[in-house]
PDB file of N, CA and C in Angstrom:
ATOM      1  N   UNK A   1       0.788  -1.380  -0.277  1.00  0.00           N
ATOM      2  CA  UNK A   1       0.159  -0.396   0.200  1.00  0.00           C
ATOM      3  C   UNK A   1       0.599   1.295   0.128  1.00  0.00           C
ATOM      4  N   UNK A   2       1.543   1.211   0.508  1.00  0.00           N
ATOM      5  CA  UNK A   2       2.875   2.221   0.485  1.00  0.00           C
ATOM      6  C   UNK A   2       3.461   2.887  -0.467  1.00  0.00           C
ATOM      7  N   UNK A   3       3.815   1.924  -1.088  1.00  0.00           N
ATOM      8  CA  UNK A   3       4.672   2.072  -2.437  1.00  0.00           C
ATOM      9  C   UNK A   3       4.134   3.029  -3.595  1.00  0.00           C
ATOM     10  N   UNK A   4       3.128   1.655  -3.622  1.00  0.00           N
ATOM     11  CA  UNK A   4       1.652   2.407  -4.479  1.00  0.00           C
ATOM     12  C   UNK A   4       1.594   3.843  -3.856  1.00  0.00           C
ATOM     13  N   UNK A   5       0.712   3.699  -2.977  1.00  0.00           N
ATOM     14  CA  UNK A   5       0.171   5.151  -2.826  1.00  0.00           C
ATOM     15  C   UNK A   5       1.345   6.273  -3.620  1.00  0.00           C
ATOM     16  N   UNK A   6       2.509   6.013  -3.013  1.00  0.00           N
ATOM     17  CA  UNK A   6       3.879   7.341  -2.927  1.00  0.00           C
ATOM     18  C   UNK A   6       4.976   6.759  -4.268  1.00  0.00           C
ATOM     19  N   UNK A   7       4.544   5.779  -4.764  1.00  0.00           N
ATOM     20  CA  UNK A   7       5.196   5.517  -6.335  1.00  0.00           C
ATOM     21  C   UNK A   7       6.509   4.688  -5.830  1.00  0.00           C
ATOM     22  N   UNK A   8       6.211   3.745  -5.019  1.00  0.00           N
ATOM     23  CA  UNK A   8       8.230   3.689  -5.104  1.00  0.00           C
ATOM     24  C   UNK A   8       7.589   1.893  -4.773  1.00  0.00           C
ATOM     25  N   UNK A   9       9.094   1.158  -5.573  1.00  0.00           N
ATOM     26  CA  UNK A   9       8.634  -0.344  -5.259  1.00  0.00           C
ATOM     27  C   UNK A   9       8.670  -0.706  -4.185  1.00  0.00           C
ATOM     28  N   UNK A  10       8.788  -2.049  -3.618  1.00  0.00           N
ATOM     29  CA  UNK A  10       9.101  -2.044  -1.861  1.00  0.00           C
ATOM     30  C   UNK A  10       9.477  -3.756  -2.822  1.00  0.00           C
ATOM     31  N   UNK A  11      11.337  -3.881  -1.571  1.00  0.00           N
ATOM     32  CA  UNK A  11      12.131  -5.030  -2.288  1.00  0.00           C
ATOM     33  C   UNK A  11      11.677  -5.572  -0.754  1.00  0.00           C
ATOM     34  N   UNK A  12      10.982  -7.279   0.089  1.00  0.00           N
ATOM     35  CA  UNK A  12      12.248  -7.783   0.403  1.00  0.00           C
ATOM     36  C   UNK A  12      13.484  -8.784   0.942  1.00  0.00           C
ATOM     37  N   UNK A  13      13.997  -7.688   1.115  1.00  0.00           N
ATOM     38  CA  UNK A  13      15.769  -8.030   0.861  1.00  0.00           C
ATOM     39  C   UNK A  13      16.171  -9.395   1.502  1.00  0.00           C
ATOM     40  N   UNK A  14      15.840  -9.679   1.926  1.00  0.00           N
ATOM     41  CA  UNK A  14      16.092 -11.593   2.101  1.00  0.00           C
ATOM     42  C   UNK A  14      15.451 -12.663   2.893  1.00  0.00           C
ATOM     43  N   UNK A  15      14.884 -13.112   3.222  1.00  0.00           N
ATOM     44  CA  UNK A  15      13.840 -14.077   4.229  1.00  0.00           C
ATOM     45  C   UNK A  15      14.825 -15.323   4.049  1.00  0.00           C
ATOM     46  N   UNK A  16      14.314 -16.698   4.518  1.00  0.00           N
ATOM     47  CA  UNK A  16      15.025 -17.726   4.896  1.00  0.00           C
ATOM     48  C   UNK A  16      14.263 -18.082   5.753  1.00  0.00           C
ATOM     49  N   UNK A  17      14.160 -19.754   5.629  1.00  0.00           N
ATOM     50  CA  UNK A  17      13.888 -20.682   6.918  1.00  0.00           C
ATOM     51  C   UNK A  17      15.698 -20.998   8.067  1.00  0.00           C
ATOM     52  N   UNK A  18      15.477 -21.222   9.617  1.00  0.00           N
ATOM     53  CA  UNK A  18      16.035 -22.162   9.854  1.00  0.00           C
ATOM     54  C   UNK A  18      16.646 -22.850   9.483  1.00  0.00           C
ATOM     55  N   UNK A  19      17.737 -23.319   8.983  1.00  0.00           N
ATOM     56  CA  UNK A  19      18.647 -24.926   8.978  1.00  0.00           C
ATOM     57  C   UNK A  19      17.816 -26.391   9.816  1.00  0.00           C
ATOM     58  N   UNK A  20      17.885 -25.573  10.636  1.00  0.00           N
ATOM     59  CA  UNK A  20      17.855 -27.353  11.586  1.00  0.00           C
ATOM     60  C   UNK A  20      16.148 -27.484  12.195  1.00  0.00           C
ATOM     61  N   UNK A  21      15.262 -26.181  11.351  1.00  0.00           N
ATOM     62  CA  UNK A  21      13.822 -26.627  11.393  1.00  0.00           C
ATOM     63  C   UNK A  21      14.091 -28.167  10.423  1.00  0.00           C
ATOM     64  N   UNK A  22      12.708 -28.389  10.396  1.00  0.00           N
ATOM     65  CA  UNK A  22      12.758 -29.759   9.883  1.00  0.00           C
ATOM     66  C   UNK A  22      11.952 -29.433   7.662  1.00  0.00           C
ATOM     67  N   UNK A  23      11.915 -29.695   7.457  1.00  0.00           N
ATOM     68  CA  UNK A  23      11.966 -29.126   6.347  1.00  0.00           C
ATOM     69  C   UNK A  23      11.130 -29.247   5.415  1.00  0.00           C
ATOM     70  N   UNK A  24      10.258 -30.077   5.954  1.00  0.00           N
ATOM     71  CA  UNK A  24       7.957 -29.274   5.871  1.00  0.00           C
ATOM     72  C   UNK A  24       8.316 -27.671   5.965  1.00  0.00           C
ATOM     73  N   UNK A  25       8.034 -27.566   7.574  1.00  0.00           N
ATOM     74  CA  UNK A  25       7.756 -26.340   8.138  1.00  0.00           C
ATOM     75  C   UNK A  25       8.808 -24.741   6.570  1.00  0.00           C
ATOM     76  N   UNK A  26       9.969 -25.506   6.777  1.00  0.00           N
ATOM     77  CA  UNK A  26      10.772 -25.044   5.984  1.00  0.00           C
ATOM     78  C   UNK A  26       9.925 -23.940   4.564  1.00  0.00           C
ATOM     79  N   UNK A  27       9.686 -25.485   4.178  1.00  0.00           N
ATOM     80  CA  UNK A  27       8.842 -25.082   2.730  1.00  0.00           C
ATOM     81  C   UNK A  27       7.464 -24.318   3.193  1.00  0.00           C
ATOM     82  N   UNK A  28       6.774 -24.209   3.934  1.00  0.00           N
ATOM     83  CA  UNK A  28       5.812 -23.904   3.987  1.00  0.00           C
ATOM     84  C   UNK A  28       6.028 -22.604   4.214  1.00  0.00           C
ATOM     85  N   UNK A  29       7.135 -22.225   4.948  1.00  0.00           N
ATOM     86  CA  UNK A  29       6.886 -20.602   5.383  1.00  0.00           C
ATOM     87  C   UNK A  29       8.165 -19.852   4.573  1.00  0.00           C
ATOM     88  N   UNK A  30       9.079 -20.097   3.560  1.00  0.00           N
ATOM     89  CA  UNK A  30       9.842 -19.752   2.454  1.00  0.00           C
ATOM     90  C   UNK A  30       8.049 -19.775   1.652  1.00  0.00           C
ATOM     91  N   UNK A  31       7.814 -20.850   1.255  1.00  0.00           N
ATOM     92  CA  UNK A  31       5.894 -20.372   0.092  1.00  0.00           C
ATOM     93  C   UNK A  31       5.356 -20.002   1.146  1.00  0.00           C
ATOM     94  N   UNK A  32       4.628 -19.273   1.536  1.00  0.00           N
ATOM     95  CA  UNK A  32       3.752 -18.227   2.622  1.00  0.00           C
ATOM     96  C   UNK A  32       4.718 -16.635   2.181  1.00  0.00           C
ATOM     97  N   UNK A  33       5.540 -16.724   2.572  1.00  0.00           N
ATOM     98  CA  UNK A  33       6.637 -15.700   2.446  1.00  0.00           C
ATOM     99  C   UNK A  33       6.369 -15.221   1.168  1.00  0.00           C
ATOM    100  N   UNK A  34       7.535 -15.995  -0.095  1.00  0.00           N
ATOM    101  CA  UNK A  34       7.617 -15.554  -0.996  1.00  0.00           C
ATOM    102  C   UNK A  34       6.052 -15.186  -1.747  1.00  0.00           C
ATOM    103  N   UNK A  35       4.514 -15.901  -1.458  1.00  0.00           N
ATOM    104  CA  UNK A  35       3.727 -15.524  -2.476  1.00  0.00           C
ATOM    105  C   UNK A  35       2.713 -14.500  -1.799  1.00  0.00           C
ATOM    106  N   UNK A  36       2.920 -14.482  -0.581  1.00  0.00           N
ATOM    107  CA  UNK A  36       2.596 -13.034  -0.573  1.00  0.00           C
ATOM    108  C   UNK A  36       3.927 -11.628   0.105  1.00  0.00           C
ATOM    109  N   UNK A  37       4.500 -11.659  -0.477  1.00  0.00           N
ATOM    110  CA  UNK A  37       5.334 -10.190  -0.877  1.00  0.00           C
ATOM    111  C   UNK A  37       4.541 -10.012  -2.512  1.00  0.00           C
ATOM    112  N   UNK A  38       4.496 -11.065  -2.746  1.00  0.00           N
ATOM    113  CA  UNK A  38       4.289 -10.953  -5.263  1.00  0.00           C
ATOM    114  C   UNK A  38       2.029 -10.518  -4.296  1.00  0.00           C
ATOM    115  N   UNK A  39       1.847 -11.040  -3.610  1.00  0.00           N
ATOM    116  CA  UNK A  39       0.418 -11.184  -3.638  1.00  0.00           C
ATOM    117  C   UNK A  39       1.102  -9.771  -3.436  1.00  0.00           C
ATOM    118  N   UNK A  40       1.250  -8.186  -2.615  1.00  0.00           N
ATOM    119  CA  UNK A  40       1.592  -7.161  -2.596  1.00  0.00           C
ATOM    120  C   UNK A  40       2.278  -6.673  -3.024  1.00  0.00           C
ATOM    121  N   UNK A  41       2.742  -7.169  -4.039  1.00  0.00           N
ATOM    122  CA  UNK A  41       3.587  -6.074  -5.029  1.00  0.00           C
ATOM    123  C   UNK A  41       5.001  -6.394  -5.100  1.00  0.00           C
ATOM    124  N   UNK A  42       5.617  -6.912  -4.614  1.00  0.00           N
ATOM    125  CA  UNK A  42       6.918  -6.748  -3.174  1.00  0.00           C
ATOM    126  C   UNK A  42       7.719  -7.988  -4.350  1.00  0.00           C
ATOM    127  N   UNK A  43       8.921  -7.377  -4.918  1.00  0.00           N
ATOM    128  CA  UNK A  43       9.237  -8.385  -5.179  1.00  0.00           C
ATOM    129  C   UNK A  43      10.897  -8.731  -4.519  1.00  0.00           C
ATOM    130  N   UNK A  44      11.511 -10.113  -4.121  1.00  0.00           N
ATOM    131  CA  UNK A  44      11.906 -10.322  -3.290  1.00  0.00           C
ATOM    132  C   UNK A  44      13.239 -10.681  -3.468  1.00  0.00           C
ATOM    133  N   UNK A  45      14.322 -11.879  -2.579  1.00  0.00           N
ATOM    134  CA  UNK A  45      15.613 -12.215  -2.414  1.00  0.00           C
ATOM    135  C   UNK A  45      15.177 -13.385  -1.249  1.00  0.00           C
ATOM    136  N   UNK A  46      15.746 -14.413  -2.307  1.00  0.00           N
ATOM    137  CA  UNK A  46      15.921 -16.104  -1.153  1.00  0.00           C
ATOM    138  C   UNK A  46      17.690 -16.211  -1.006  1.00  0.00           C
ATOM    139  N   UNK A  47      17.194 -15.915   0.988  1.00  0.00           N
ATOM    140  CA  UNK A  47      18.528 -15.865   2.364  1.00  0.00           C
ATOM    141  C   UNK A  47      18.894 -17.633   2.344  1.00  0.00           C
ATOM    142  N   UNK A  48      19.106 -18.076   1.317  1.00  0.00           N
ATOM    143  CA  UNK A  48      20.884 -18.089   0.239  1.00  0.00           C
ATOM    144  C   UNK A  48      20.849 -18.641  -0.359  1.00  0.00           C
ATOM    145  N   UNK A  49      21.861 -18.910  -1.373  1.00  0.00           N
ATOM    146  CA  UNK A  49      21.815 -19.804  -2.373  1.00  0.00           C
ATOM    147  C   UNK A  49      21.775 -21.278  -2.043  1.00  0.00           C
ATOM    148  N   UNK A  50      23.448 -21.422  -1.734  1.00  0.00           N
ATOM    149  CA  UNK A  50      23.580 -22.784  -1.933  1.00  0.00           C
ATOM    150  C   UNK A  50      24.418 -23.025  -0.265  1.00  0.00           C
ATOM    151  N   UNK A  51      24.188 -22.589   0.726  1.00  0.00           N
ATOM    152  CA  UNK A  51      24.826 -23.179   2.004  1.00  0.00           C
ATOM    153  C   UNK A  51      23.403 -23.517   3.612  1.00  0.00           C
ATOM    154  N   UNK A  52      23.582 -23.362   4.070  1.00  0.00           N
ATOM    155  CA  UNK A  52      22.423 -24.305   5.016  1.00  0.00           C
ATOM    156  C   UNK A  52      20.851 -23.744   4.682  1.00  0.00           C
ATOM    157  N   UNK A  53      21.326 -22.503   4.354  1.00  0.00           N
ATOM    158  CA  UNK A  53      20.047 -21.488   4.352  1.00  0.00           C
ATOM    159  C   UNK A  53      18.632 -22.398   2.478  1.00  0.00           C
ATOM    160  N   UNK A  54      19.710 -22.367   2.015  1.00  0.00           N
ATOM    161  CA  UNK A  54      20.057 -22.506   0.416  1.00  0.00           C
ATOM    162  C   UNK A  54      18.897 -24.358   0.144  1.00  0.00           C
ATOM    163  N   UNK A  55      18.194 -23.392  -0.751  1.00  0.00           N
ATOM    164  CA  UNK A  55      17.711 -24.228  -1.903  1.00  0.00           C
ATOM    165  C   UNK A  55      19.221 -24.944  -3.012  1.00  0.00           C
ATOM    166  N   UNK A  56      19.970 -25.339  -2.807  1.00  0.00           N
ATOM    167  CA  UNK A  56      20.951 -25.280  -3.815  1.00  0.00           C
ATOM    168  C   UNK A  56      21.493 -26.135  -2.612  1.00  0.00           C
ATOM    169  N   UNK A  57      21.812 -27.704  -2.983  1.00  0.00           N
ATOM    170  CA  UNK A  57      23.268 -28.398  -2.033  1.00  0.00           C
ATOM    171  C   UNK A  57      25.241 -28.529  -2.683  1.00  0.00           C
ATOM    172  N   UNK A  58      25.429 -27.586  -2.655  1.00  0.00           N
ATOM    173  CA  UNK A  58      26.767 -27.518  -3.436  1.00  0.00           C
ATOM    174  C   UNK A  58      27.210 -28.882  -3.276  1.00  0.00           C
ATOM    175  N   UNK A  59      27.503 -29.149  -2.136  1.00  0.00           N
ATOM    176  CA  UNK A  59      28.044 -31.069  -1.461  1.00  0.00           C
ATOM    177  C   UNK A  59      27.778 -31.646  -2.481  1.00  0.00           C
ATOM    178  N   UNK A  60      26.821 -32.117  -3.002  1.00  0.00           N
ATOM    179  CA  UNK A  60      24.978 -32.736  -4.153  1.00  0.00           C
ATOM    180  C   UNK A  60      25.259 -32.042  -5.379  1.00  0.00           C
ATOM    181  N   UNK A  61      25.320 -31.130  -5.768  1.00  0.00           N
ATOM    182  CA  UNK A  61      25.581 -30.877  -7.105  1.00  0.00           C
ATOM    183  C   UNK A  61      23.735 -30.785  -6.790  1.00  0.00           C
ATOM    184  N   UNK A  62      22.695 -30.526  -5.827  1.00  0.00           N
ATOM    185  CA  UNK A  62      21.095 -31.280  -6.246  1.00  0.00           C
ATOM    186  C   UNK A  62      20.839 -29.876  -5.323  1.00  0.00           C
ATOM    187  N   UNK A  63      19.476 -30.207  -6.397  1.00  0.00           N
ATOM    188  CA  UNK A  63      18.593 -28.287  -5.128  1.00  0.00           C
ATOM    189  C   UNK A  63      17.758 -29.237  -4.297  1.00  0.00           C
ATOM    190  N   UNK A  64      17.745 -28.468  -3.527  1.00  0.00           N
ATOM    191  CA  UNK A  64      16.192 -29.190  -2.211  1.00  0.00           C
ATOM    192  C   UNK A  64      15.189 -28.995  -2.470  1.00  0.00           C
ATOM    193  N   UNK A  65      14.513 -29.887  -3.503  1.00  0.00           N
ATOM    194  CA  UNK A  65      13.668 -29.697  -3.851  1.00  0.00           C
ATOM    195  C   UNK A  65      12.383 -29.097  -2.894  1.00  0.00           C
ATOM    196  N   UNK A  66      12.015 -29.302  -1.647  1.00  0.00           N
ATOM    197  CA  UNK A  66      11.319 -28.567  -1.219  1.00  0.00           C
ATOM    198  C   UNK A  66      11.265 -27.465  -1.811  1.00  0.00           C
ATOM    199  N   UNK A  67      12.995 -26.859  -1.333  1.00  0.00           N
ATOM    200  CA  UNK A  67      12.316 -25.194  -0.773  1.00  0.00           C
ATOM    201  C   UNK A  67      12.628 -24.044  -2.175  1.00  0.00           C
ATOM    202  N   UNK A  68      12.734 -25.031  -3.347  1.00  0.00           N
ATOM    203  CA  UNK A  68      12.781 -24.895  -4.872  1.00  0.00           C
ATOM    204  C   UNK A  68      11.629 -24.579  -5.719  1.00  0.00           C
ATOM    205  N   UNK A  69      11.330 -25.536  -4.606  1.00  0.00           N
ATOM    206  CA  UNK A  69       9.125 -25.145  -5.250  1.00  0.00           C
ATOM    207  C   UNK A  69       8.668 -24.429  -4.321  1.00  0.00           C
ATOM    208  N   UNK A  70       9.192 -23.829  -3.209  1.00  0.00           N
ATOM    209  CA  UNK A  70       8.548 -23.087  -2.520  1.00  0.00           C
ATOM    210  C   UNK A  70       8.522 -22.150  -3.262  1.00  0.00           C
ATOM    211  N   UNK A  71       9.660 -21.828  -3.314  1.00  0.00           N
ATOM    212  CA  UNK A  71      10.159 -20.934  -4.171  1.00  0.00           C
ATOM    213  C   UNK A  71       9.717 -20.107  -5.582  1.00  0.00           C
ATOM    214  N   UNK A  72       9.663 -21.092  -6.403  1.00  0.00           N
ATOM    215  CA  UNK A  72       9.416 -21.080  -7.567  1.00  0.00           C
ATOM    216  C   UNK A  72       7.858 -21.689  -8.481  1.00  0.00           C
ATOM    217  N   UNK A  73       7.146 -21.626  -7.498  1.00  0.00           N
ATOM    218  CA  UNK A  73       6.085 -21.634  -7.350  1.00  0.00           C
ATOM    219  C   UNK A  73       4.503 -21.391  -6.979  1.00  0.00           C
ATOM    220  N   UNK A  74       3.721 -21.317  -8.734  1.00  0.00           N
ATOM    221  CA  UNK A  74       3.088 -20.767  -8.570  1.00  0.00           C
ATOM    222  C   UNK A  74       1.882 -21.008  -7.324  1.00  0.00           C
ATOM    223  N   UNK A  75       1.316 -20.223  -6.539  1.00  0.00           N
ATOM    224  CA  UNK A  75       0.207 -20.676  -5.925  1.00  0.00           C
ATOM    225  C   UNK A  75      -0.160 -21.624  -5.304  1.00  0.00           C
TER     226      UNK A  75
END
């Protein structure tokens, strides 16, 4: 609302779910934040790419599918 009223884009700089939480909770939280930001017209960035919070597992060269799906799936 503020951004539209003032002609300013809003950017949600970073969000992520603690890596010690269970993956189902992490994926639900991630999807909720990403979709809510999008519904509010905000762009966003996920913290982080390839370390413990990340959607990509550098050690194995694979995606954490639950997080990837949460980030890129439509509602």
